[in-house]
Amino acid sequence: MTDITFRVHPSPVGRILIVASPAGLVSLHPFDEPLDAELARVATALHALPAPDDGAGGDIDRQLDEYFDGRRREFAVELDWRLVSGFRRAALEAVRDIPYGETAGYGEVAISAGSPGAARAVGTACATTPFSIVVPVHRVVRSDGSLGEYGGHPEIKRYLLDLEREALGLLAPAASVA
């Protein structure tokens, strides 16, 4: 029996896989592959197959819905960092400090994480984060201000940034990408 559980939550950016342990969220990210393939990928990283549980991640589903409705600007959830260590964790911790509706460059995040020359490593941390949305890697942009890929889905990154700017009254309503 595993203490790692999962559930899937619908959202405007597609299905979101929520994987949790008693310590907190282990992974949370949108996916478009078949669920079995996504679970196999997660199981490989964890060396354990998560068990289905409608309560996985506590009230994160409510928090996600509030975020997508423009009513939540920060997530109140514990993170289980077992899949992240070293500079990747420092970079993701720094990303958590980027204010709602704003962006920062990879180099700026590297400086905040204590390694000014590590902009590419910040890019790797953002690209491989197990915590999409709740750790706002979508707020990290290239030095020229262009968006970058966001896991091969720049349209999701644009949607999330527009959603936040709309909630702040800086943009017209965003359209769903799902």
N, C-alpha and C. Protein backbone atom coordinates (compact mmCIF):
# COMPACT_ATOMS: atom_id res chain seq x y z
N MET A 1 0.85 -1.18 0.00
CA MET A 1 0.00 0.00 0.00
C MET A 1 0.89 1.25 0.00
N THR A 2 0.47 2.24 -0.77
CA THR A 2 1.26 3.46 -0.88
C THR A 2 0.57 4.60 -0.14
N ASP A 3 1.37 5.52 0.36
CA ASP A 3 0.80 6.71 1.00
C ASP A 3 0.66 7.85 -0.01
N ILE A 4 0.98 7.54 -1.27
CA ILE A 4 0.88 8.54 -2.33
C ILE A 4 -0.41 8.28 -3.11
N THR A 5 -1.22 9.34 -3.22
CA THR A 5 -2.52 9.21 -3.87
C THR A 5 -2.66 10.24 -4.99
N PHE A 6 -3.68 10.05 -5.82
CA PHE A 6 -3.90 10.99 -6.92
C PHE A 6 -5.38 11.16 -7.19
N ARG A 7 -5.66 12.23 -7.89
CA ARG A 7 -6.96 12.47 -8.48
C ARG A 7 -6.77 13.42 -9.65
N VAL A 8 -7.80 13.52 -10.48
CA VAL A 8 -7.77 14.40 -11.64
C VAL A 8 -8.84 15.46 -11.45
N HIS A 9 -8.48 16.71 -11.74
CA HIS A 9 -9.42 17.83 -11.60
C HIS A 9 -9.54 18.55 -12.93
N PRO A 10 -10.76 18.81 -13.39
CA PRO A 10 -10.93 19.56 -14.64
C PRO A 10 -10.62 21.04 -14.43
N SER A 11 -10.15 21.70 -15.48
CA SER A 11 -9.85 23.13 -15.40
C SER A 11 -9.95 23.75 -16.78
N PRO A 12 -9.89 25.07 -16.87
CA PRO A 12 -9.89 25.72 -18.18
C PRO A 12 -8.66 25.43 -19.03
N VAL A 13 -7.59 24.90 -18.42
CA VAL A 13 -6.38 24.55 -19.17
C VAL A 13 -6.27 23.05 -19.39
N GLY A 14 -7.34 22.33 -19.15
CA GLY A 14 -7.34 20.88 -19.32
C GLY A 14 -7.37 20.15 -17.99
N ARG A 15 -7.23 18.84 -18.07
CA ARG A 15 -7.23 18.04 -16.84
C ARG A 15 -5.94 18.30 -16.06
N ILE A 16 -6.08 18.35 -14.74
CA ILE A 16 -4.93 18.56 -13.87
C ILE A 16 -4.76 17.32 -13.00
N LEU A 17 -3.57 16.75 -13.04
CA LEU A 17 -3.24 15.60 -12.20
C LEU A 17 -2.72 16.11 -10.88
N ILE A 18 -3.37 15.71 -9.80
CA ILE A 18 -2.98 16.08 -8.44
C ILE A 18 -2.45 14.82 -7.78
N VAL A 19 -1.20 14.86 -7.35
CA VAL A 19 -0.58 13.73 -6.66
C VAL A 19 -0.14 14.25 -5.29
N ALA A 20 -0.51 13.52 -4.24
CA ALA A 20 -0.24 14.00 -2.89
C ALA A 20 0.24 12.87 -1.98
N SER A 21 0.90 13.29 -0.92
CA SER A 21 1.31 12.40 0.16
C SER A 21 0.80 13.04 1.45
N PRO A 22 0.96 12.38 2.58
CA PRO A 22 0.57 13.03 3.84
C PRO A 22 1.34 14.34 4.10
N ALA A 23 2.51 14.52 3.48
CA ALA A 23 3.30 15.74 3.68
C ALA A 23 2.83 16.90 2.79
N GLY A 24 2.06 16.62 1.75
CA GLY A 24 1.58 17.69 0.87
C GLY A 24 1.53 17.26 -0.58
N LEU A 25 1.42 18.26 -1.46
CA LEU A 25 1.40 17.97 -2.90
C LEU A 25 2.76 17.48 -3.35
N VAL A 26 2.76 16.39 -4.08
CA VAL A 26 3.97 15.85 -4.66
C VAL A 26 4.10 16.36 -6.10
N SER A 27 2.97 16.48 -6.76
CA SER A 27 2.94 16.95 -8.14
C SER A 27 1.56 17.48 -8.46
N LEU A 28 1.52 18.53 -9.27
CA LEU A 28 0.26 19.09 -9.74
C LEU A 28 0.56 19.73 -11.09
N HIS A 29 -0.04 19.19 -12.14
CA HIS A 29 0.20 19.76 -13.47
C HIS A 29 -0.89 19.36 -14.45
N PRO A 30 -1.14 20.24 -15.43
CA PRO A 30 -2.07 19.89 -16.50
C PRO A 30 -1.46 18.79 -17.36
N PHE A 31 -2.30 17.96 -17.93
CA PHE A 31 -1.80 16.92 -18.83
C PHE A 31 -2.81 16.66 -19.93
N ASP A 32 -2.30 16.18 -21.06
CA ASP A 32 -3.20 15.84 -22.16
C ASP A 32 -2.98 14.43 -22.67
N GLU A 33 -2.03 13.73 -22.10
CA GLU A 33 -1.81 12.32 -22.43
C GLU A 33 -2.91 11.48 -21.78
N PRO A 34 -3.06 10.22 -22.18
CA PRO A 34 -3.97 9.35 -21.43
C PRO A 34 -3.53 9.27 -19.96
N LEU A 35 -4.48 9.16 -19.06
CA LEU A 35 -4.19 9.14 -17.63
C LEU A 35 -3.19 8.03 -17.29
N ASP A 36 -3.34 6.85 -17.87
CA ASP A 36 -2.43 5.75 -17.56
C ASP A 36 -0.98 6.11 -17.89
N ALA A 37 -0.77 6.79 -19.01
CA ALA A 37 0.59 7.19 -19.40
C ALA A 37 1.13 8.22 -18.42
N GLU A 38 0.30 9.14 -18.01
CA GLU A 38 0.72 10.18 -17.06
C GLU A 38 1.05 9.55 -15.70
N LEU A 39 0.22 8.62 -15.26
CA LEU A 39 0.48 7.94 -13.98
C LEU A 39 1.76 7.11 -14.05
N ALA A 40 2.02 6.50 -15.19
CA ALA A 40 3.25 5.71 -15.35
C ALA A 40 4.48 6.62 -15.24
N ARG A 41 4.40 7.81 -15.84
CA ARG A 41 5.51 8.77 -15.76
C ARG A 41 5.75 9.18 -14.30
N VAL A 42 4.68 9.49 -13.59
CA VAL A 42 4.78 9.89 -12.18
C VAL A 42 5.29 8.72 -11.33
N ALA A 43 4.78 7.53 -11.60
CA ALA A 43 5.19 6.34 -10.83
C ALA A 43 6.69 6.07 -11.01
N THR A 44 7.20 6.30 -12.20
CA THR A 44 8.63 6.11 -12.45
C THR A 44 9.44 7.08 -11.58
N ALA A 45 9.03 8.32 -11.54
CA ALA A 45 9.75 9.32 -10.73
C ALA A 45 9.67 9.00 -9.24
N LEU A 46 8.52 8.49 -8.80
CA LEU A 46 8.30 8.23 -7.38
C LEU A 46 8.71 6.83 -6.93
N HIS A 47 8.92 5.94 -7.88
CA HIS A 47 9.18 4.53 -7.59
C HIS A 47 8.00 3.90 -6.85
N ALA A 48 6.81 4.42 -7.14
CA ALA A 48 5.58 3.91 -6.52
C ALA A 48 4.40 4.38 -7.36
N LEU A 49 3.41 3.55 -7.49
CA LEU A 49 2.21 3.93 -8.23
C LEU A 49 1.22 4.59 -7.28
N PRO A 50 0.87 5.84 -7.54
CA PRO A 50 -0.12 6.51 -6.68
C PRO A 50 -1.47 5.78 -6.75
N ALA A 51 -2.16 5.77 -5.64
CA ALA A 51 -3.49 5.14 -5.57
C ALA A 51 -4.56 6.20 -5.77
N PRO A 52 -5.65 5.86 -6.45
CA PRO A 52 -6.72 6.85 -6.62
C PRO A 52 -7.36 7.22 -5.29
N ASP A 53 -7.65 8.51 -5.11
CA ASP A 53 -8.27 8.99 -3.88
C ASP A 53 -8.93 10.34 -4.17
N ASP A 54 -10.23 10.41 -4.04
CA ASP A 54 -10.96 11.66 -4.31
C ASP A 54 -10.55 12.79 -3.38
N GLY A 55 -9.86 12.50 -2.30
CA GLY A 55 -9.43 13.53 -1.36
C GLY A 55 -7.96 13.90 -1.50
N ALA A 56 -7.27 13.35 -2.50
CA ALA A 56 -5.84 13.64 -2.68
C ALA A 56 -5.62 15.14 -2.80
N GLY A 57 -4.71 15.66 -1.99
CA GLY A 57 -4.39 17.07 -2.05
C GLY A 57 -5.34 17.97 -1.27
N GLY A 58 -6.21 17.38 -0.46
CA GLY A 58 -7.11 18.19 0.37
C GLY A 58 -8.01 19.08 -0.45
N ASP A 59 -8.03 20.36 -0.12
CA ASP A 59 -8.95 21.29 -0.80
C ASP A 59 -8.31 21.99 -1.99
N ILE A 60 -7.26 21.42 -2.56
CA ILE A 60 -6.60 22.06 -3.70
C ILE A 60 -7.54 22.24 -4.88
N ASP A 61 -8.52 21.36 -5.03
CA ASP A 61 -9.48 21.54 -6.12
C ASP A 61 -10.26 22.84 -5.96
N ARG A 62 -10.68 23.14 -4.74
CA ARG A 62 -11.39 24.39 -4.47
C ARG A 62 -10.47 25.58 -4.73
N GLN A 63 -9.22 25.47 -4.29
CA GLN A 63 -8.26 26.55 -4.50
C GLN A 63 -8.00 26.77 -6.00
N LEU A 64 -7.88 25.69 -6.75
CA LEU A 64 -7.69 25.83 -8.20
C LEU A 64 -8.90 26.51 -8.84
N ASP A 65 -10.10 26.10 -8.45
CA ASP A 65 -11.31 26.72 -9.00
C ASP A 65 -11.35 28.21 -8.67
N GLU A 66 -10.96 28.57 -7.45
CA GLU A 66 -10.92 29.98 -7.06
C GLU A 66 -9.88 30.74 -7.88
N TYR A 67 -8.73 30.11 -8.11
CA TYR A 67 -7.70 30.73 -8.93
C TYR A 67 -8.22 30.98 -10.35
N PHE A 68 -8.82 29.97 -10.95
CA PHE A 68 -9.32 30.12 -12.32
C PHE A 68 -10.50 31.07 -12.41
N ASP A 69 -11.20 31.28 -11.31
CA ASP A 69 -12.28 32.28 -11.27
C ASP A 69 -11.76 33.68 -10.98
N GLY A 70 -10.44 33.82 -10.76
CA GLY A 70 -9.84 35.12 -10.49
C GLY A 70 -9.99 35.57 -9.05
N ARG A 71 -10.38 34.64 -8.15
CA ARG A 71 -10.60 35.01 -6.75
C ARG A 71 -9.46 34.61 -5.83
N ARG A 72 -8.48 33.87 -6.31
CA ARG A 72 -7.35 33.42 -5.47
C ARG A 72 -6.06 33.86 -6.12
N ARG A 73 -5.19 34.45 -5.32
CA ARG A 73 -3.91 34.94 -5.84
C ARG A 73 -2.72 34.15 -5.32
N GLU A 74 -2.92 33.41 -4.24
CA GLU A 74 -1.87 32.55 -3.69
C GLU A 74 -2.51 31.24 -3.26
N PHE A 75 -1.72 30.19 -3.31
CA PHE A 75 -2.20 28.88 -2.88
C PHE A 75 -1.74 28.60 -1.47
N ALA A 76 -2.65 28.11 -0.65
CA ALA A 76 -2.36 27.74 0.74
C ALA A 76 -2.31 26.21 0.79
N VAL A 77 -1.19 25.66 0.43
CA VAL A 77 -1.04 24.21 0.37
C VAL A 77 0.41 23.85 0.69
N GLU A 78 0.55 22.76 1.41
CA GLU A 78 1.90 22.25 1.71
C GLU A 78 2.44 21.53 0.48
N LEU A 79 3.73 21.69 0.23
CA LEU A 79 4.37 21.00 -0.89
C LEU A 79 5.30 19.93 -0.34
N ASP A 80 5.24 18.76 -0.95
CA ASP A 80 6.15 17.66 -0.65
C ASP A 80 7.24 17.73 -1.73
N TRP A 81 8.42 18.17 -1.35
CA TRP A 81 9.49 18.46 -2.30
C TRP A 81 10.31 17.23 -2.68
N ARG A 82 9.83 16.04 -2.47
CA ARG A 82 10.63 14.83 -2.70
C ARG A 82 11.17 14.70 -4.12
N LEU A 83 10.53 15.33 -5.11
CA LEU A 83 11.00 15.23 -6.50
C LEU A 83 11.90 16.39 -6.91
N VAL A 84 12.22 17.28 -5.96
CA VAL A 84 13.00 18.48 -6.27
C VAL A 84 14.07 18.66 -5.20
N SER A 85 15.30 18.95 -5.63
CA SER A 85 16.36 19.19 -4.65
C SER A 85 17.37 20.18 -5.22
N GLY A 86 18.31 20.58 -4.40
CA GLY A 86 19.41 21.43 -4.81
C GLY A 86 18.96 22.76 -5.37
N PHE A 87 19.64 23.20 -6.43
CA PHE A 87 19.33 24.49 -7.01
C PHE A 87 17.93 24.52 -7.62
N ARG A 88 17.47 23.40 -8.14
CA ARG A 88 16.09 23.38 -8.70
C ARG A 88 15.10 23.83 -7.63
N ARG A 89 15.27 23.33 -6.41
CA ARG A 89 14.36 23.74 -5.35
C ARG A 89 14.55 25.23 -5.02
N ALA A 90 15.78 25.69 -4.93
CA ALA A 90 16.03 27.10 -4.63
C ALA A 90 15.39 27.98 -5.70
N ALA A 91 15.49 27.57 -6.96
CA ALA A 91 14.89 28.35 -8.05
C ALA A 91 13.37 28.37 -7.93
N LEU A 92 12.77 27.22 -7.65
CA LEU A 92 11.31 27.18 -7.52
C LEU A 92 10.83 27.95 -6.30
N GLU A 93 11.60 27.93 -5.23
CA GLU A 93 11.25 28.74 -4.06
C GLU A 93 11.28 30.22 -4.43
N ALA A 94 12.27 30.63 -5.23
CA ALA A 94 12.35 32.03 -5.67
C ALA A 94 11.17 32.38 -6.59
N VAL A 95 10.76 31.45 -7.43
CA VAL A 95 9.62 31.68 -8.32
C VAL A 95 8.36 31.97 -7.50
N ARG A 96 8.23 31.33 -6.36
CA ARG A 96 7.05 31.55 -5.51
C ARG A 96 6.92 32.99 -5.04
N ASP A 97 8.01 33.76 -5.11
CA ASP A 97 7.99 35.15 -4.67
C ASP A 97 7.58 36.13 -5.78
N ILE A 98 7.40 35.66 -7.00
CA ILE A 98 6.97 36.55 -8.08
C ILE A 98 5.51 36.91 -7.84
N PRO A 99 5.20 38.19 -7.73
CA PRO A 99 3.82 38.59 -7.43
C PRO A 99 2.82 38.19 -8.51
N TYR A 100 1.62 37.93 -8.07
CA TYR A 100 0.49 37.61 -8.93
C TYR A 100 0.35 38.68 -10.02
N GLY A 101 0.22 38.23 -11.26
CA GLY A 101 0.02 39.14 -12.37
C GLY A 101 1.28 39.78 -12.91
N GLU A 102 2.43 39.46 -12.33
CA GLU A 102 3.70 40.02 -12.78
C GLU A 102 4.59 38.91 -13.33
N THR A 103 5.66 39.31 -13.99
CA THR A 103 6.62 38.34 -14.51
C THR A 103 8.02 38.72 -14.06
N ALA A 104 8.92 37.75 -14.15
CA ALA A 104 10.35 37.97 -13.88
C ALA A 104 11.13 37.15 -14.90
N GLY A 105 12.31 37.64 -15.25
CA GLY A 105 13.16 36.91 -16.18
C GLY A 105 13.89 35.76 -15.49
N TYR A 106 14.36 34.82 -16.28
CA TYR A 106 15.11 33.69 -15.74
C TYR A 106 16.33 34.18 -14.96
N GLY A 107 17.01 35.21 -15.48
CA GLY A 107 18.17 35.77 -14.79
C GLY A 107 17.80 36.40 -13.46
N GLU A 108 16.66 37.08 -13.41
CA GLU A 108 16.20 37.68 -12.14
C GLU A 108 15.94 36.59 -11.10
N VAL A 109 15.31 35.50 -11.54
CA VAL A 109 15.04 34.40 -10.62
C VAL A 109 16.35 33.77 -10.15
N ALA A 110 17.32 33.65 -11.05
CA ALA A 110 18.63 33.08 -10.67
C ALA A 110 19.27 33.93 -9.57
N ILE A 111 19.19 35.25 -9.71
CA ILE A 111 19.74 36.14 -8.69
C ILE A 111 19.01 35.93 -7.37
N SER A 112 17.68 35.87 -7.42
CA SER A 112 16.88 35.65 -6.20
C SER A 112 17.20 34.32 -5.54
N ALA A 113 17.55 33.33 -6.37
CA ALA A 113 17.86 31.99 -5.85
C ALA A 113 19.30 31.88 -5.37
N GLY A 114 20.08 32.97 -5.50
CA GLY A 114 21.44 32.97 -4.99
C GLY A 114 22.51 32.55 -5.96
N SER A 115 22.17 32.39 -7.25
CA SER A 115 23.16 32.00 -8.26
C SER A 115 22.98 32.86 -9.51
N PRO A 116 23.55 34.08 -9.50
CA PRO A 116 23.31 35.04 -10.58
C PRO A 116 23.59 34.54 -11.99
N GLY A 117 24.50 33.61 -12.17
CA GLY A 117 24.82 33.12 -13.50
C GLY A 117 24.02 31.90 -13.94
N ALA A 118 23.00 31.56 -13.21
CA ALA A 118 22.31 30.28 -13.45
C ALA A 118 20.96 30.42 -14.13
N ALA A 119 20.83 31.36 -15.06
CA ALA A 119 19.55 31.56 -15.74
C ALA A 119 19.09 30.29 -16.46
N ARG A 120 20.01 29.58 -17.11
CA ARG A 120 19.63 28.35 -17.81
C ARG A 120 19.16 27.28 -16.83
N ALA A 121 19.79 27.21 -15.69
CA ALA A 121 19.37 26.24 -14.66
C ALA A 121 17.98 26.59 -14.14
N VAL A 122 17.66 27.87 -14.07
CA VAL A 122 16.30 28.28 -13.68
C VAL A 122 15.33 27.78 -14.74
N GLY A 123 15.71 27.92 -16.01
CA GLY A 123 14.87 27.40 -17.09
C GLY A 123 14.61 25.91 -16.95
N THR A 124 15.64 25.17 -16.59
CA THR A 124 15.48 23.73 -16.38
C THR A 124 14.56 23.46 -15.19
N ALA A 125 14.74 24.20 -14.12
CA ALA A 125 13.87 24.02 -12.94
C ALA A 125 12.41 24.29 -13.29
N CYS A 126 12.18 25.36 -14.05
CA CYS A 126 10.80 25.69 -14.44
C CYS A 126 10.23 24.63 -15.38
N ALA A 127 11.04 24.16 -16.31
CA ALA A 127 10.58 23.18 -17.29
C ALA A 127 10.28 21.82 -16.65
N THR A 128 10.96 21.52 -15.55
CA THR A 128 10.80 20.20 -14.93
C THR A 128 10.05 20.25 -13.60
N THR A 129 9.47 21.38 -13.27
CA THR A 129 8.78 21.50 -11.98
C THR A 129 7.65 20.47 -11.86
N PRO A 130 7.53 19.86 -10.70
CA PRO A 130 6.36 19.01 -10.50
C PRO A 130 5.13 19.83 -10.08
N PHE A 131 5.33 21.13 -9.82
CA PHE A 131 4.27 21.97 -9.27
C PHE A 131 3.87 23.09 -10.23
N SER A 132 3.15 22.78 -11.28
CA SER A 132 2.64 23.84 -12.16
C SER A 132 1.52 24.59 -11.44
N ILE A 133 1.33 25.79 -11.82
CA ILE A 133 0.28 26.68 -11.33
C ILE A 133 0.50 27.08 -9.87
N VAL A 134 0.58 26.13 -8.94
CA VAL A 134 0.74 26.49 -7.52
C VAL A 134 2.11 27.08 -7.24
N VAL A 135 3.13 26.67 -7.97
CA VAL A 135 4.42 27.36 -8.02
C VAL A 135 4.40 28.01 -9.40
N PRO A 136 4.24 29.33 -9.47
CA PRO A 136 3.88 29.99 -10.72
C PRO A 136 5.02 30.14 -11.74
N VAL A 137 5.51 29.01 -12.24
CA VAL A 137 6.57 29.06 -13.24
C VAL A 137 6.09 29.75 -14.52
N HIS A 138 4.78 29.87 -14.69
CA HIS A 138 4.26 30.59 -15.85
C HIS A 138 4.62 32.08 -15.79
N ARG A 139 5.01 32.58 -14.64
CA ARG A 139 5.38 33.99 -14.49
C ARG A 139 6.85 34.26 -14.84
N VAL A 140 7.60 33.22 -15.21
CA VAL A 140 9.00 33.38 -15.57
C VAL A 140 9.10 33.47 -17.09
N VAL A 141 9.74 34.56 -17.56
CA VAL A 141 9.82 34.81 -19.00
C VAL A 141 11.28 35.00 -19.42
N ARG A 142 11.48 35.01 -20.73
CA ARG A 142 12.81 35.22 -21.27
C ARG A 142 13.25 36.66 -21.04
N SER A 143 14.55 36.91 -21.16
CA SER A 143 15.09 38.25 -20.90
C SER A 143 14.53 39.29 -21.86
N ASP A 144 14.09 38.88 -23.05
CA ASP A 144 13.51 39.83 -24.00
C ASP A 144 12.01 40.03 -23.77
N GLY A 145 11.48 39.38 -22.73
CA GLY A 145 10.06 39.52 -22.41
C GLY A 145 9.17 38.51 -23.09
N SER A 146 9.72 37.71 -24.03
CA SER A 146 8.89 36.69 -24.68
C SER A 146 8.62 35.55 -23.69
N LEU A 147 7.55 34.82 -23.96
CA LEU A 147 7.06 33.86 -22.98
C LEU A 147 7.90 32.62 -22.78
N GLY A 148 8.36 32.00 -23.83
CA GLY A 148 8.98 30.69 -23.70
C GLY A 148 7.93 29.61 -23.86
N GLU A 149 8.30 28.40 -23.58
CA GLU A 149 7.48 27.24 -23.93
C GLU A 149 6.43 26.80 -22.93
N TYR A 150 6.72 26.76 -21.66
CA TYR A 150 5.82 26.23 -20.63
C TYR A 150 5.43 24.78 -20.93
N GLY A 151 6.43 23.92 -20.93
CA GLY A 151 6.20 22.49 -21.15
C GLY A 151 5.63 22.18 -22.52
N GLY A 152 5.99 22.98 -23.52
CA GLY A 152 5.48 22.75 -24.85
C GLY A 152 4.09 23.32 -25.09
N HIS A 153 3.58 24.07 -24.13
CA HIS A 153 2.24 24.64 -24.24
C HIS A 153 2.26 26.14 -23.92
N PRO A 154 2.87 26.94 -24.82
CA PRO A 154 2.92 28.38 -24.55
C PRO A 154 1.52 29.01 -24.46
N GLU A 155 0.53 28.37 -25.08
CA GLU A 155 -0.84 28.89 -25.00
C GLU A 155 -1.38 28.81 -23.58
N ILE A 156 -0.96 27.81 -22.81
CA ILE A 156 -1.38 27.71 -21.41
C ILE A 156 -0.69 28.81 -20.59
N LYS A 157 0.59 29.02 -20.86
CA LYS A 157 1.32 30.08 -20.15
C LYS A 157 0.65 31.43 -20.42
N ARG A 158 0.35 31.71 -21.68
CA ARG A 158 -0.31 32.97 -22.04
C ARG A 158 -1.66 33.07 -21.33
N TYR A 159 -2.42 31.98 -21.31
CA TYR A 159 -3.73 31.98 -20.67
C TYR A 159 -3.60 32.32 -19.18
N LEU A 160 -2.66 31.68 -18.49
CA LEU A 160 -2.50 31.92 -17.05
C LEU A 160 -2.07 33.36 -16.76
N LEU A 161 -1.16 33.88 -17.55
CA LEU A 161 -0.74 35.27 -17.36
C LEU A 161 -1.89 36.23 -17.64
N ASP A 162 -2.63 35.97 -18.71
CA ASP A 162 -3.78 36.82 -19.04
C ASP A 162 -4.86 36.73 -17.98
N LEU A 163 -5.08 35.53 -17.45
CA LEU A 163 -6.07 35.33 -16.39
C LEU A 163 -5.73 36.21 -15.18
N GLU A 164 -4.47 36.21 -14.79
CA GLU A 164 -4.05 37.00 -13.64
C GLU A 164 -4.16 38.50 -13.92
N ARG A 165 -3.77 38.90 -15.09
CA ARG A 165 -3.85 40.33 -15.44
C ARG A 165 -5.31 40.77 -15.55
N GLU A 166 -6.16 39.89 -16.04
CA GLU A 166 -7.60 40.18 -16.10
C GLU A 166 -8.16 40.36 -14.69
N ALA A 167 -7.79 39.47 -13.78
CA ALA A 167 -8.28 39.55 -12.40
C ALA A 167 -7.83 40.85 -11.72
N LEU A 168 -6.70 41.38 -12.15
CA LEU A 168 -6.20 42.64 -11.62
C LEU A 168 -6.80 43.85 -12.34
N GLY A 169 -7.63 43.57 -13.36
CA GLY A 169 -8.26 44.65 -14.12
C GLY A 169 -7.35 45.25 -15.18
N LEU A 170 -6.31 44.51 -15.56
CA LEU A 170 -5.36 45.03 -16.54
C LEU A 170 -5.63 44.54 -17.95
N LEU A 171 -6.54 43.56 -18.13
CA LEU A 171 -6.85 42.96 -19.43
C LEU A 171 -8.31 42.62 -19.52
N ALA A 172 -8.78 42.47 -20.75
CA ALA A 172 -10.13 41.95 -21.00
C ALA A 172 -10.15 40.46 -20.66
N PRO A 173 -11.32 39.83 -20.46
CA PRO A 173 -11.41 38.41 -20.09
C PRO A 173 -10.66 37.48 -21.04
N ALA A 174 -9.99 36.47 -20.44
CA ALA A 174 -9.24 35.47 -21.20
C ALA A 174 -10.19 34.36 -21.65
N ALA A 175 -9.87 33.74 -22.77
CA ALA A 175 -10.65 32.61 -23.28
C ALA A 175 -10.00 31.31 -22.84
N SER A 176 -10.80 30.29 -22.60
CA SER A 176 -10.31 28.98 -22.17
C SER A 176 -9.45 28.36 -23.26
N VAL A 177 -8.44 27.57 -22.86
CA VAL A 177 -7.61 26.87 -23.82
C VAL A 177 -7.93 25.38 -23.86
N ALA A 178 -8.81 24.93 -22.99
CA ALA A 178 -9.12 23.49 -22.94
C ALA A 178 -10.15 23.13 -23.99
